[in-house]
Amino acid sequence: MSVNLSIKGVPDAIAERLRLRAELNHRSLQGELMAIVAQAAAEPVVQAGSLPDSSGQRPIHPKGVRRGHKTIEQLATEHRARFPQPFADLPLAVDIIRADRDSR
């Protein structure tokens, strides 16, 4: 089963460049577009959180959402920059967990 795809509102300059590209590759415009789409579809799908490529662009998540990637060291450095002093007068997580466990 095949699917028809359509791109509406293509600017004239882009359409003309695609026509020229098709001509240089001895294809029809439809054939050139199919070759471009087939090439793009053959590229491996990148997992979310992957590192940027050599151009600095982050890959796109398979669902189309751009995801960032930071190491734990980067996150810790950013946290220390935002909060240079430790929080005072707050209970420790271990104390909260113990109190909850002991209340049962």
Protein backbone atom coordinates (compact mmCIF):
# COMPACT_ATOMS: atom_id res chain seq x y z
CA MET A 1 0.00 0.00 0.00
CA SER A 2 1.38 3.41 -0.87
CA VAL A 3 0.63 6.84 0.58
CA ASN A 4 0.31 10.15 -1.22
CA LEU A 5 2.21 13.02 0.38
CA SER A 6 1.66 16.67 -0.41
CA ILE A 7 3.55 19.85 0.47
CA LYS A 8 1.54 23.00 0.02
CA GLY A 9 2.83 26.54 -0.24
CA VAL A 10 6.35 25.74 -1.43
CA PRO A 11 8.12 29.04 -2.19
CA ASP A 12 8.94 29.56 -5.86
CA ALA A 13 12.69 29.72 -5.21
CA ILE A 14 12.70 26.33 -3.50
CA ALA A 15 10.52 24.75 -6.19
CA GLU A 16 12.85 26.07 -8.88
CA ARG A 17 15.93 24.68 -7.09
CA LEU A 18 14.21 21.30 -6.81
CA ARG A 19 13.35 21.36 -10.53
CA LEU A 20 16.99 22.17 -11.33
CA ARG A 21 18.21 19.41 -9.05
CA ALA A 22 15.81 16.95 -10.73
CA GLU A 23 17.06 17.99 -14.15
CA LEU A 24 20.71 17.58 -13.13
CA ASN A 25 19.91 14.07 -11.83
CA HIS A 26 17.93 13.19 -14.98
CA ARG A 27 14.72 12.73 -13.01
CA SER A 28 11.26 14.17 -13.00
CA LEU A 29 10.41 16.49 -10.12
CA GLN A 30 8.34 13.66 -8.61
CA GLY A 31 11.27 11.26 -8.98
CA GLU A 32 13.66 13.72 -7.36
CA LEU A 33 11.31 14.30 -4.44
CA MET A 34 10.93 10.53 -3.98
CA ALA A 35 14.73 10.14 -3.98
CA ILE A 36 15.09 12.89 -1.32
CA VAL A 37 12.38 11.36 0.86
CA ALA A 38 13.81 7.83 0.45
CA GLN A 39 17.28 9.06 1.44
CA ALA A 40 15.90 10.84 4.52
CA ALA A 41 13.86 7.79 5.52
CA ALA A 42 16.92 5.53 5.19
CA GLU A 43 18.87 7.53 7.77
CA PRO A 44 18.98 5.94 11.22
CA VAL A 45 16.47 7.19 13.76
CA VAL A 46 18.30 8.91 16.59
CA GLN A 47 17.38 8.25 20.19
CA ALA A 48 16.36 11.11 22.45
CA GLY A 49 19.19 12.69 24.35
CA SER A 50 21.81 11.93 21.72
CA LEU A 51 24.72 14.26 21.42
CA PRO A 52 24.77 17.03 18.79
CA ASP A 53 26.32 16.23 15.42
CA SER A 54 29.35 18.03 13.98
CA SER A 55 27.18 21.01 12.95
CA GLY A 56 26.01 21.45 16.54
CA GLN A 57 22.45 20.40 15.71
CA ARG A 58 20.75 18.06 18.12
CA PRO A 59 19.03 15.09 16.54
CA ILE A 60 15.27 14.97 16.55
CA HIS A 61 13.52 12.49 18.77
CA PRO A 62 11.55 9.86 16.82
CA LYS A 63 8.33 11.59 17.88
CA GLY A 64 9.62 14.91 16.52
CA VAL A 65 10.49 16.51 19.85
CA ARG A 66 13.92 17.98 20.36
CA ARG A 67 15.53 16.69 23.52
CA GLY A 68 18.52 18.03 25.37
CA HIS A 69 21.39 16.11 26.80
CA LYS A 70 23.37 17.09 29.88
CA THR A 71 25.71 15.05 31.97
CA ILE A 72 25.19 14.82 35.71
CA GLU A 73 28.30 16.96 36.13
CA GLN A 74 26.79 19.72 33.98
CA LEU A 75 23.55 19.59 35.97
CA ALA A 76 25.44 19.73 39.27
CA THR A 77 27.51 22.71 38.09
CA GLU A 78 24.38 24.59 37.00
CA HIS A 79 22.70 23.79 40.32
CA ARG A 80 25.71 25.05 42.29
CA ALA A 81 25.73 28.25 40.21
CA ARG A 82 22.03 28.87 40.94
CA PHE A 83 22.26 27.90 44.61
CA PRO A 84 25.80 28.60 45.86
CA GLN A 85 24.81 28.15 49.52
CA PRO A 86 23.19 24.97 50.77
CA PHE A 87 19.60 25.27 51.88
CA ALA A 88 19.44 25.87 55.63
CA ASP A 89 16.84 24.75 58.14
CA LEU A 90 15.30 22.14 55.86
CA PRO A 91 14.91 18.50 56.84
CA LEU A 92 17.10 15.94 55.15
CA ALA A 93 15.45 13.52 52.77
CA VAL A 94 16.53 10.60 54.91
CA ASP A 95 14.75 12.13 57.90
CA ILE A 96 11.54 12.61 55.89
CA ILE A 97 11.65 8.99 54.71
CA ARG A 98 12.30 7.69 58.22
CA ALA A 99 9.46 9.74 59.68
CA ASP A 100 7.09 8.47 57.00
CA ARG A 101 8.18 4.87 57.53
CA ASP A 102 7.88 5.16 61.31
CA SER A 103 4.39 6.64 61.04
CA ARG A 104 2.99 3.40 59.58
